[in-house]
């Protein structure tokens, strides 16, 4: 989803733009949390066919952790994303 946002934004001031342009994954397991989630909710009334796979980023986080040679975390803040990264690392070595 973030890659699609980068493609649609198409502006060099956007981090999402550069990540998409360089094929760098930007994960957002809490995409629907906050104002973007609200906009998706309101948009879905005019476009009821809109479906987002909110588990896709979780699968990628877990898969990257499982197959990584080494893992680690640098935490600036906390919350939901921190928990997903910590949980992915638990799946690797418990």
PDB file of N, CA and C in Angstrom:
ATOM      1  N   UNK A   1       0.823  -1.190   0.000  1.00  0.00           N
ATOM      2  CA  UNK A   1       0.000   0.000   0.000  1.00  0.00           C
ATOM      3  C   UNK A   1       0.870   1.259   0.000  1.00  0.00           C
ATOM      4  N   UNK A   2       1.927   1.254   0.786  1.00  0.00           N
ATOM      5  CA  UNK A   2       2.791   2.434   0.851  1.00  0.00           C
ATOM      6  C   UNK A   2       3.495   2.643  -0.489  1.00  0.00           C
ATOM      7  N   UNK A   3       3.887   1.556  -1.157  1.00  0.00           N
ATOM      8  CA  UNK A   3       4.491   1.685  -2.488  1.00  0.00           C
ATOM      9  C   UNK A   3       3.504   2.336  -3.450  1.00  0.00           C
ATOM     10  N   UNK A   4       2.250   1.952  -3.367  1.00  0.00           N
ATOM     11  CA  UNK A   4       1.224   2.558  -4.235  1.00  0.00           C
ATOM     12  C   UNK A   4       1.067   4.043  -3.919  1.00  0.00           C
ATOM     13  N   UNK A   5       1.092   4.395  -2.633  1.00  0.00           N
ATOM     14  CA  UNK A   5       1.020   5.813  -2.262  1.00  0.00           C
ATOM     15  C   UNK A   5       2.200   6.578  -2.855  1.00  0.00           C
ATOM     16  N   UNK A   6       3.405   6.002  -2.763  1.00  0.00           N
ATOM     17  CA  UNK A   6       4.583   6.649  -3.333  1.00  0.00           C
ATOM     18  C   UNK A   6       4.458   6.856  -4.823  1.00  0.00           C
ATOM     19  N   UNK A   7       3.898   5.866  -5.507  1.00  0.00           N
ATOM     20  CA  UNK A   7       3.704   5.971  -6.955  1.00  0.00           C
ATOM     21  C   UNK A   7       2.692   7.062  -7.292  1.00  0.00           C
ATOM     22  N   UNK A   8       1.608   7.114  -6.535  1.00  0.00           N
ATOM     23  CA  UNK A   8       0.563   8.105  -6.798  1.00  0.00           C
ATOM     24  C   UNK A   8       0.994   9.515  -6.397  1.00  0.00           C
ATOM     25  N   UNK A   9       1.745   9.637  -5.298  1.00  0.00           N
ATOM     26  CA  UNK A   9       2.219  10.956  -4.859  1.00  0.00           C
ATOM     27  C   UNK A   9       3.156  11.534  -5.913  1.00  0.00           C
ATOM     28  N   UNK A  10       4.094  10.691  -6.383  1.00  0.00           N
ATOM     29  CA  UNK A  10       4.994  11.068  -7.474  1.00  0.00           C
ATOM     30  C   UNK A  10       5.622  12.446  -7.275  1.00  0.00           C
ATOM     31  N   UNK A  11       6.160  12.670  -6.077  1.00  0.00           N
ATOM     32  CA  UNK A  11       6.797  13.957  -5.778  1.00  0.00           C
ATOM     33  C   UNK A  11       8.085  13.700  -4.997  1.00  0.00           C
ATOM     34  N   UNK A  12       9.202  14.308  -5.413  1.00  0.00           N
ATOM     35  CA  UNK A  12      10.493  14.019  -4.789  1.00  0.00           C
ATOM     36  C   UNK A  12      10.616  14.469  -3.332  1.00  0.00           C
ATOM     37  N   UNK A  13       9.661  15.211  -2.797  1.00  0.00           N
ATOM     38  CA  UNK A  13       9.699  15.578  -1.383  1.00  0.00           C
ATOM     39  C   UNK A  13       9.145  14.471  -0.485  1.00  0.00           C
ATOM     40  N   UNK A  14       8.627  13.408  -1.083  1.00  0.00           N
ATOM     41  CA  UNK A  14       7.970  12.342  -0.330  1.00  0.00           C
ATOM     42  C   UNK A  14       8.908  11.163  -0.082  1.00  0.00           C
ATOM     43  N   UNK A  15       8.998  10.723   1.162  1.00  0.00           N
ATOM     44  CA  UNK A  15       9.769   9.525   1.495  1.00  0.00           C
ATOM     45  C   UNK A  15       9.163   8.316   0.792  1.00  0.00           C
ATOM     46  N   UNK A  16       7.837   8.261   0.741  1.00  0.00           N
ATOM     47  CA  UNK A  16       7.161   7.141   0.067  1.00  0.00           C
ATOM     48  C   UNK A  16       7.512   7.104  -1.418  1.00  0.00           C
ATOM     49  N   UNK A  17       7.642   8.263  -2.029  1.00  0.00           N
ATOM     50  CA  UNK A  17       8.026   8.343  -3.445  1.00  0.00           C
ATOM     51  C   UNK A  17       9.385   7.690  -3.663  1.00  0.00           C
ATOM     52  N   UNK A  18      10.386   8.065  -2.845  1.00  0.00           N
ATOM     53  CA  UNK A  18      11.742   7.545  -3.022  1.00  0.00           C
ATOM     54  C   UNK A  18      11.826   6.064  -2.676  1.00  0.00           C
ATOM     55  N   UNK A  19      11.086   5.639  -1.673  1.00  0.00           N
ATOM     56  CA  UNK A  19      11.081   4.215  -1.327  1.00  0.00           C
ATOM     57  C   UNK A  19      10.521   3.399  -2.486  1.00  0.00           C
ATOM     58  N   UNK A  20       9.422   3.849  -3.058  1.00  0.00           N
ATOM     59  CA  UNK A  20       8.810   3.145  -4.190  1.00  0.00           C
ATOM     60  C   UNK A  20       9.737   3.162  -5.396  1.00  0.00           C
ATOM     61  N   UNK A  21      10.341   4.307  -5.661  1.00  0.00           N
ATOM     62  CA  UNK A  21      11.219   4.457  -6.823  1.00  0.00           C
ATOM     63  C   UNK A  21      12.432   3.527  -6.729  1.00  0.00           C
ATOM     64  N   UNK A  22      12.915   3.272  -5.508  1.00  0.00           N
ATOM     65  CA  UNK A  22      14.094   2.433  -5.297  1.00  0.00           C
ATOM     66  C   UNK A  22      13.749   1.034  -4.787  1.00  0.00           C
ATOM     67  N   UNK A  23      12.470   0.690  -4.868  1.00  0.00           N
ATOM     68  CA  UNK A  23      12.004  -0.645  -4.471  1.00  0.00           C
ATOM     69  C   UNK A  23      12.404  -1.002  -3.039  1.00  0.00           C
ATOM     70  N   UNK A  24      12.260  -0.028  -2.131  1.00  0.00           N
ATOM     71  CA  UNK A  24      12.544  -0.229  -0.712  1.00  0.00           C
ATOM     72  C   UNK A  24      11.207  -0.411   0.002  1.00  0.00           C
ATOM     73  N   UNK A  25      10.993  -1.551   0.654  1.00  0.00           N
ATOM     74  CA  UNK A  25       9.703  -1.749   1.318  1.00  0.00           C
ATOM     75  C   UNK A  25       9.538  -0.825   2.523  1.00  0.00           C
ATOM     76  N   UNK A  26       8.402  -0.181   2.606  1.00  0.00           N
ATOM     77  CA  UNK A  26       8.012   0.603   3.776  1.00  0.00           C
ATOM     78  C   UNK A  26       6.785  -0.093   4.328  1.00  0.00           C
ATOM     79  N   UNK A  27       6.914  -0.620   5.525  1.00  0.00           N
ATOM     80  CA  UNK A  27       5.848  -1.423   6.102  1.00  0.00           C
ATOM     81  C   UNK A  27       4.973  -0.574   7.012  1.00  0.00           C
ATOM     82  N   UNK A  28       3.699  -0.868   7.000  1.00  0.00           N
ATOM     83  CA  UNK A  28       2.751  -0.134   7.828  1.00  0.00           C
ATOM     84  C   UNK A  28       1.686  -1.094   8.350  1.00  0.00           C
ATOM     85  N   UNK A  29       2.027  -1.867   9.389  1.00  0.00           N
ATOM     86  CA  UNK A  29       1.048  -2.819   9.901  1.00  0.00           C
ATOM     87  C   UNK A  29      -0.140  -2.153  10.590  1.00  0.00           C
ATOM     88  N   UNK A  30      -0.071  -0.855  10.798  1.00  0.00           N
ATOM     89  CA  UNK A  30      -1.174  -0.126  11.428  1.00  0.00           C
ATOM     90  C   UNK A  30      -1.752   0.906  10.465  1.00  0.00           C
ATOM     91  N   UNK A  31      -1.797   0.550   9.188  1.00  0.00           N
ATOM     92  CA  UNK A  31      -2.238   1.485   8.156  1.00  0.00           C
ATOM     93  C   UNK A  31      -3.608   2.082   8.447  1.00  0.00           C
ATOM     94  N   UNK A  32      -4.506   1.297   9.000  1.00  0.00           N
ATOM     95  CA  UNK A  32      -5.868   1.784   9.233  1.00  0.00           C
ATOM     96  C   UNK A  32      -6.011   2.513  10.561  1.00  0.00           C
ATOM     97  N   UNK A  33      -4.940   2.624  11.327  1.00  0.00           N
ATOM     98  CA  UNK A  33      -4.975   3.325  12.603  1.00  0.00           C
ATOM     99  C   UNK A  33      -4.668   4.801  12.364  1.00  0.00           C
ATOM    100  N   UNK A  34      -5.594   5.675  12.676  1.00  0.00           N
ATOM    101  CA  UNK A  34      -5.360   7.103  12.514  1.00  0.00           C
ATOM    102  C   UNK A  34      -6.136   7.693  11.356  1.00  0.00           C
ATOM    103  N   UNK A  35      -5.713   8.870  10.920  1.00  0.00           N
ATOM    104  CA  UNK A  35      -6.486   9.620   9.923  1.00  0.00           C
ATOM    105  C   UNK A  35      -6.525   8.936   8.561  1.00  0.00           C
ATOM    106  N   UNK A  36      -5.462   8.232   8.178  1.00  0.00           N
ATOM    107  CA  UNK A  36      -5.502   7.518   6.899  1.00  0.00           C
ATOM    108  C   UNK A  36      -6.574   6.430   6.937  1.00  0.00           C
ATOM    109  N   UNK A  37      -6.687   5.753   8.053  1.00  0.00           N
ATOM    110  CA  UNK A  37      -7.750   4.762   8.218  1.00  0.00           C
ATOM    111  C   UNK A  37      -9.128   5.387   8.122  1.00  0.00           C
ATOM    112  N   UNK A  38      -9.274   6.577   8.689  1.00  0.00           N
ATOM    113  CA  UNK A  38     -10.557   7.290   8.584  1.00  0.00           C
ATOM    114  C   UNK A  38     -10.875   7.615   7.133  1.00  0.00           C
ATOM    115  N   UNK A  39      -9.879   8.079   6.382  1.00  0.00           N
ATOM    116  CA  UNK A  39     -10.108   8.423   4.973  1.00  0.00           C
ATOM    117  C   UNK A  39     -10.454   7.181   4.150  1.00  0.00           C
ATOM    118  N   UNK A  40      -9.800   6.073   4.445  1.00  0.00           N
ATOM    119  CA  UNK A  40     -10.123   4.816   3.758  1.00  0.00           C
ATOM    120  C   UNK A  40     -11.557   4.412   4.077  1.00  0.00           C
ATOM    121  N   UNK A  41     -11.947   4.557   5.331  1.00  0.00           N
ATOM    122  CA  UNK A  41     -13.313   4.235   5.754  1.00  0.00           C
ATOM    123  C   UNK A  41     -14.331   5.072   4.984  1.00  0.00           C
ATOM    124  N   UNK A  42     -14.143   6.391   4.945  1.00  0.00           N
ATOM    125  CA  UNK A  42     -15.093   7.263   4.244  1.00  0.00           C
ATOM    126  C   UNK A  42     -15.089   6.989   2.738  1.00  0.00           C
ATOM    127  N   UNK A  43     -13.910   6.740   2.181  1.00  0.00           N
ATOM    128  CA  UNK A  43     -13.784   6.447   0.755  1.00  0.00           C
ATOM    129  C   UNK A  43     -14.549   5.174   0.386  1.00  0.00           C
ATOM    130  N   UNK A  44     -14.596   4.226   1.306  1.00  0.00           N
ATOM    131  CA  UNK A  44     -15.234   2.937   1.018  1.00  0.00           C
ATOM    132  C   UNK A  44     -16.739   3.057   0.784  1.00  0.00           C
ATOM    133  N   UNK A  45     -17.356   4.146   1.238  1.00  0.00           N
ATOM    134  CA  UNK A  45     -18.787   4.336   0.974  1.00  0.00           C
ATOM    135  C   UNK A  45     -19.051   4.634  -0.498  1.00  0.00           C
ATOM    136  N   UNK A  46     -18.176   5.424  -1.122  1.00  0.00           N
ATOM    137  CA  UNK A  46     -18.341   5.740  -2.545  1.00  0.00           C
ATOM    138  C   UNK A  46     -17.766   4.640  -3.433  1.00  0.00           C
ATOM    139  N   UNK A  47     -16.847   3.869  -2.900  1.00  0.00           N
ATOM    140  CA  UNK A  47     -16.185   2.799  -3.652  1.00  0.00           C
ATOM    141  C   UNK A  47     -16.227   1.525  -2.808  1.00  0.00           C
ATOM    142  N   UNK A  48     -17.399   0.880  -2.718  1.00  0.00           N
ATOM    143  CA  UNK A  48     -17.545  -0.267  -1.813  1.00  0.00           C
ATOM    144  C   UNK A  48     -16.697  -1.480  -2.182  1.00  0.00           C
ATOM    145  N   UNK A  49     -16.096  -1.513  -3.343  1.00  0.00           N
ATOM    146  CA  UNK A  49     -15.259  -2.648  -3.731  1.00  0.00           C
ATOM    147  C   UNK A  49     -13.847  -2.580  -3.188  1.00  0.00           C
ATOM    148  N   UNK A  50     -13.495  -1.484  -2.514  1.00  0.00           N
ATOM    149  CA  UNK A  50     -12.138  -1.324  -1.991  1.00  0.00           C
ATOM    150  C   UNK A  50     -11.864  -2.356  -0.894  1.00  0.00           C
ATOM    151  N   UNK A  51     -10.808  -3.136  -1.086  1.00  0.00           N
ATOM    152  CA  UNK A  51     -10.403  -4.136  -0.101  1.00  0.00           C
ATOM    153  C   UNK A  51      -8.904  -3.977   0.129  1.00  0.00           C
ATOM    154  N   UNK A  52      -8.499  -3.863   1.388  1.00  0.00           N
ATOM    155  CA  UNK A  52      -7.083  -3.769   1.737  1.00  0.00           C
ATOM    156  C   UNK A  52      -6.680  -4.999   2.529  1.00  0.00           C
ATOM    157  N   UNK A  53      -5.541  -5.568   2.187  1.00  0.00           N
ATOM    158  CA  UNK A  53      -5.002  -6.696   2.943  1.00  0.00           C
ATOM    159  C   UNK A  53      -4.112  -6.124   4.043  1.00  0.00           C
ATOM    160  N   UNK A  54      -4.677  -5.936   5.230  1.00  0.00           N
ATOM    161  CA  UNK A  54      -3.911  -5.319   6.313  1.00  0.00           C
ATOM    162  C   UNK A  54      -2.959  -6.311   6.982  1.00  0.00           C
ATOM    163  N   UNK A  55      -2.991  -7.563   6.555  1.00  0.00           N
ATOM    164  CA  UNK A  55      -2.105  -8.575   7.117  1.00  0.00           C
ATOM    165  C   UNK A  55      -0.835  -8.733   6.266  1.00  0.00           C
ATOM    166  N   UNK A  56      -0.837  -8.195   5.057  1.00  0.00           N
ATOM    167  CA  UNK A  56       0.308  -8.363   4.153  1.00  0.00           C
ATOM    168  C   UNK A  56       1.613  -7.883   4.780  1.00  0.00           C
ATOM    169  N   UNK A  57       1.604  -6.709   5.412  1.00  0.00           N
ATOM    170  CA  UNK A  57       2.828  -6.195   6.025  1.00  0.00           C
ATOM    171  C   UNK A  57       3.268  -7.061   7.203  1.00  0.00           C
ATOM    172  N   UNK A  58       2.315  -7.603   7.954  1.00  0.00           N
ATOM    173  CA  UNK A  58       2.680  -8.492   9.063  1.00  0.00           C
ATOM    174  C   UNK A  58       3.362  -9.753   8.549  1.00  0.00           C
ATOM    175  N   UNK A  59       2.848 -10.295   7.459  1.00  0.00           N
ATOM    176  CA  UNK A  59       3.487 -11.481   6.866  1.00  0.00           C
ATOM    177  C   UNK A  59       4.912 -11.151   6.432  1.00  0.00           C
ATOM    178  N   UNK A  60       5.103  -9.975   5.832  1.00  0.00           N
ATOM    179  CA  UNK A  60       6.437  -9.590   5.373  1.00  0.00           C
ATOM    180  C   UNK A  60       7.386  -9.369   6.552  1.00  0.00           C
ATOM    181  N   UNK A  61       6.909  -8.701   7.604  1.00  0.00           N
ATOM    182  CA  UNK A  61       7.745  -8.485   8.795  1.00  0.00           C
ATOM    183  C   UNK A  61       8.173  -9.829   9.382  1.00  0.00           C
ATOM    184  N   UNK A  62       7.219 -10.732   9.551  1.00  0.00           N
ATOM    185  CA  UNK A  62       7.526 -12.039  10.140  1.00  0.00           C
ATOM    186  C   UNK A  62       8.454 -12.852   9.245  1.00  0.00           C
ATOM    187  N   UNK A  63       8.206 -12.849   7.951  1.00  0.00           N
ATOM    188  CA  UNK A  63       9.039 -13.605   7.014  1.00  0.00           C
ATOM    189  C   UNK A  63      10.463 -13.072   6.996  1.00  0.00           C
ATOM    190  N   UNK A  64      10.611 -11.743   6.983  1.00  0.00           N
ATOM    191  CA  UNK A  64      11.961 -11.170   6.988  1.00  0.00           C
ATOM    192  C   UNK A  64      12.708 -11.547   8.258  1.00  0.00           C
ATOM    193  N   UNK A  65      12.018 -11.534   9.388  1.00  0.00           N
ATOM    194  CA  UNK A  65      12.669 -11.891  10.652  1.00  0.00           C
ATOM    195  C   UNK A  65      13.062 -13.366  10.671  1.00  0.00           C
ATOM    196  N   UNK A  66      12.182 -14.224  10.216  1.00  0.00           N
ATOM    197  CA  UNK A  66      12.439 -15.668  10.245  1.00  0.00           C
ATOM    198  C   UNK A  66      13.650 -16.042   9.399  1.00  0.00           C
ATOM    199  N   UNK A  67      13.820 -15.410   8.253  1.00  0.00           N
ATOM    200  CA  UNK A  67      14.902 -15.781   7.341  1.00  0.00           C
ATOM    201  C   UNK A  67      16.140 -14.883   7.452  1.00  0.00           C
ATOM    202  N   UNK A  68      16.129 -13.933   8.370  1.00  0.00           N
ATOM    203  CA  UNK A  68      17.280 -13.038   8.534  1.00  0.00           C
ATOM    204  C   UNK A  68      18.416 -13.760   9.253  1.00  0.00           C
ATOM    205  N   UNK A  69      19.635 -13.438   8.868  1.00  0.00           N
ATOM    206  CA  UNK A  69      20.810 -13.999   9.546  1.00  0.00           C
ATOM    207  C   UNK A  69      20.895 -13.446  10.967  1.00  0.00           C
ATOM    208  N   UNK A  70      20.647 -12.144  11.107  1.00  0.00           N
ATOM    209  CA  UNK A  70      20.616 -11.475  12.409  1.00  0.00           C
ATOM    210  C   UNK A  70      19.451 -10.496  12.402  1.00  0.00           C
ATOM    211  N   UNK A  71      18.916 -10.233  13.568  1.00  0.00           N
ATOM    212  CA  UNK A  71      17.851  -9.237  13.687  1.00  0.00           C
ATOM    213  C   UNK A  71      18.160  -8.309  14.848  1.00  0.00           C
ATOM    214  N   UNK A  72      17.537  -7.156  14.830  1.00  0.00           N
ATOM    215  CA  UNK A  72      17.686  -6.190  15.907  1.00  0.00           C
ATOM    216  C   UNK A  72      16.634  -5.110  15.771  1.00  0.00           C
ATOM    217  N   UNK A  73      16.562  -4.271  16.769  1.00  0.00           N
ATOM    218  CA  UNK A  73      15.574  -3.187  16.752  1.00  0.00           C
ATOM    219  C   UNK A  73      16.217  -1.901  17.243  1.00  0.00           C
ATOM    220  N   UNK A  74      15.918  -0.826  16.573  1.00  0.00           N
ATOM    221  CA  UNK A  74      16.194   0.515  17.085  1.00  0.00           C
ATOM    222  C   UNK A  74      14.822   1.132  17.278  1.00  0.00           C
ATOM    223  N   UNK A  75      14.481   1.462  18.504  1.00  0.00           N
ATOM    224  CA  UNK A  75      13.130   1.926  18.804  1.00  0.00           C
ATOM    225  C   UNK A  75      13.156   3.414  19.114  1.00  0.00           C
ATOM    226  N   UNK A  76      12.461   4.176  18.316  1.00  0.00           N
ATOM    227  CA  UNK A  76      12.248   5.597  18.568  1.00  0.00           C
ATOM    228  C   UNK A  76      10.757   5.745  18.850  1.00  0.00           C
ATOM    229  N   UNK A  77      10.399   5.744  20.096  1.00  0.00           N
ATOM    230  CA  UNK A  77       8.981   5.727  20.451  1.00  0.00           C
ATOM    231  C   UNK A  77       8.565   4.304  20.742  1.00  0.00           C
ATOM    232  N   UNK A  78       7.318   4.047  20.580  1.00  0.00           N
ATOM    233  CA  UNK A  78       6.827   2.708  20.883  1.00  0.00           C
ATOM    234  C   UNK A  78       5.468   2.512  20.266  1.00  0.00           C
ATOM    235  N   UNK A  79       4.760   1.563  20.777  1.00  0.00           N
ATOM    236  CA  UNK A  79       3.412   1.327  20.297  1.00  0.00           C
ATOM    237  C   UNK A  79       3.300   0.098  19.428  1.00  0.00           C
ATOM    238  N   UNK A  80       2.317   0.124  18.571  1.00  0.00           N
ATOM    239  CA  UNK A  80       1.913  -1.033  17.785  1.00  0.00           C
ATOM    240  C   UNK A  80       3.026  -1.578  16.897  1.00  0.00           C
ATOM    241  N   UNK A  81       3.714  -0.725  16.180  1.00  0.00           N
ATOM    242  CA  UNK A  81       4.762  -1.191  15.266  1.00  0.00           C
ATOM    243  C   UNK A  81       5.876  -1.883  16.041  1.00  0.00           C
ATOM    244  N   UNK A  82       6.252  -1.317  17.183  1.00  0.00           N
ATOM    245  CA  UNK A  82       7.276  -1.944  18.028  1.00  0.00           C
ATOM    246  C   UNK A  82       6.846  -3.351  18.426  1.00  0.00           C
ATOM    247  N   UNK A  83       5.586  -3.514  18.774  1.00  0.00           N
ATOM    248  CA  UNK A  83       5.091  -4.830  19.185  1.00  0.00           C
ATOM    249  C   UNK A  83       5.153  -5.836  18.034  1.00  0.00           C
ATOM    250  N   UNK A  84       4.824  -5.403  16.831  1.00  0.00           N
ATOM    251  CA  UNK A  84       4.886  -6.318  15.689  1.00  0.00           C
ATOM    252  C   UNK A  84       6.320  -6.766  15.413  1.00  0.00           C
ATOM    253  N   UNK A  85       7.271  -5.847  15.510  1.00  0.00           N
ATOM    254  CA  UNK A  85       8.675  -6.206  15.275  1.00  0.00           C
ATOM    255  C   UNK A  85       9.172  -7.146  16.373  1.00  0.00           C
ATOM    256  N   UNK A  86       8.830  -6.847  17.623  1.00  0.00           N
ATOM    257  CA  UNK A  86       9.236  -7.717  18.730  1.00  0.00           C
ATOM    258  C   UNK A  86       8.618  -9.108  18.581  1.00  0.00           C
ATOM    259  N   UNK A  87       7.355  -9.167  18.205  1.00  0.00           N
ATOM    260  CA  UNK A  87       6.696 -10.464  18.012  1.00  0.00           C
ATOM    261  C   UNK A  87       7.340 -11.255  16.878  1.00  0.00           C
ATOM    262  N   UNK A  88       7.715 -10.573  15.803  1.00  0.00           N
ATOM    263  CA  UNK A  88       8.379 -11.257  14.688  1.00  0.00           C
ATOM    264  C   UNK A  88       9.690 -11.876  15.159  1.00  0.00           C
ATOM    265  N   UNK A  89      10.417 -11.163  15.995  1.00  0.00           N
ATOM    266  CA  UNK A  89      11.676 -11.697  16.510  1.00  0.00           C
ATOM    267  C   UNK A  89      11.452 -12.864  17.463  1.00  0.00           C
ATOM    268  N   UNK A  90      10.339 -12.866  18.174  1.00  0.00           N
ATOM    269  CA  UNK A  90      10.011 -14.007  19.031  1.00  0.00           C
ATOM    270  C   UNK A  90       9.773 -15.266  18.206  1.00  0.00           C
ATOM    271  N   UNK A  91       9.222 -15.106  17.008  1.00  0.00           N
ATOM    272  CA  UNK A  91       8.968 -16.259  16.140  1.00  0.00           C
ATOM    273  C   UNK A  91      10.268 -16.896  15.659  1.00  0.00           C
ATOM    274  N   UNK A  92      11.331 -16.114  15.648  1.00  0.00           N
ATOM    275  CA  UNK A  92      12.614 -16.604  15.151  1.00  0.00           C
ATOM    276  C   UNK A  92      13.286 -17.507  16.180  1.00  0.00           C
ATOM    277  N   UNK A  93      13.506 -16.975  17.354  1.00  0.00           N
ATOM    278  CA  UNK A  93      14.274 -17.702  18.364  1.00  0.00           C
ATOM    279  C   UNK A  93      13.560 -17.813  19.708  1.00  0.00           C
ATOM    280  N   UNK A  94      12.326 -17.380  19.765  1.00  0.00           N
ATOM    281  CA  UNK A  94      11.544 -17.506  20.988  1.00  0.00           C
ATOM    282  C   UNK A  94      11.909 -16.649  22.083  1.00  0.00           C
TER     283      UNK A  94
END
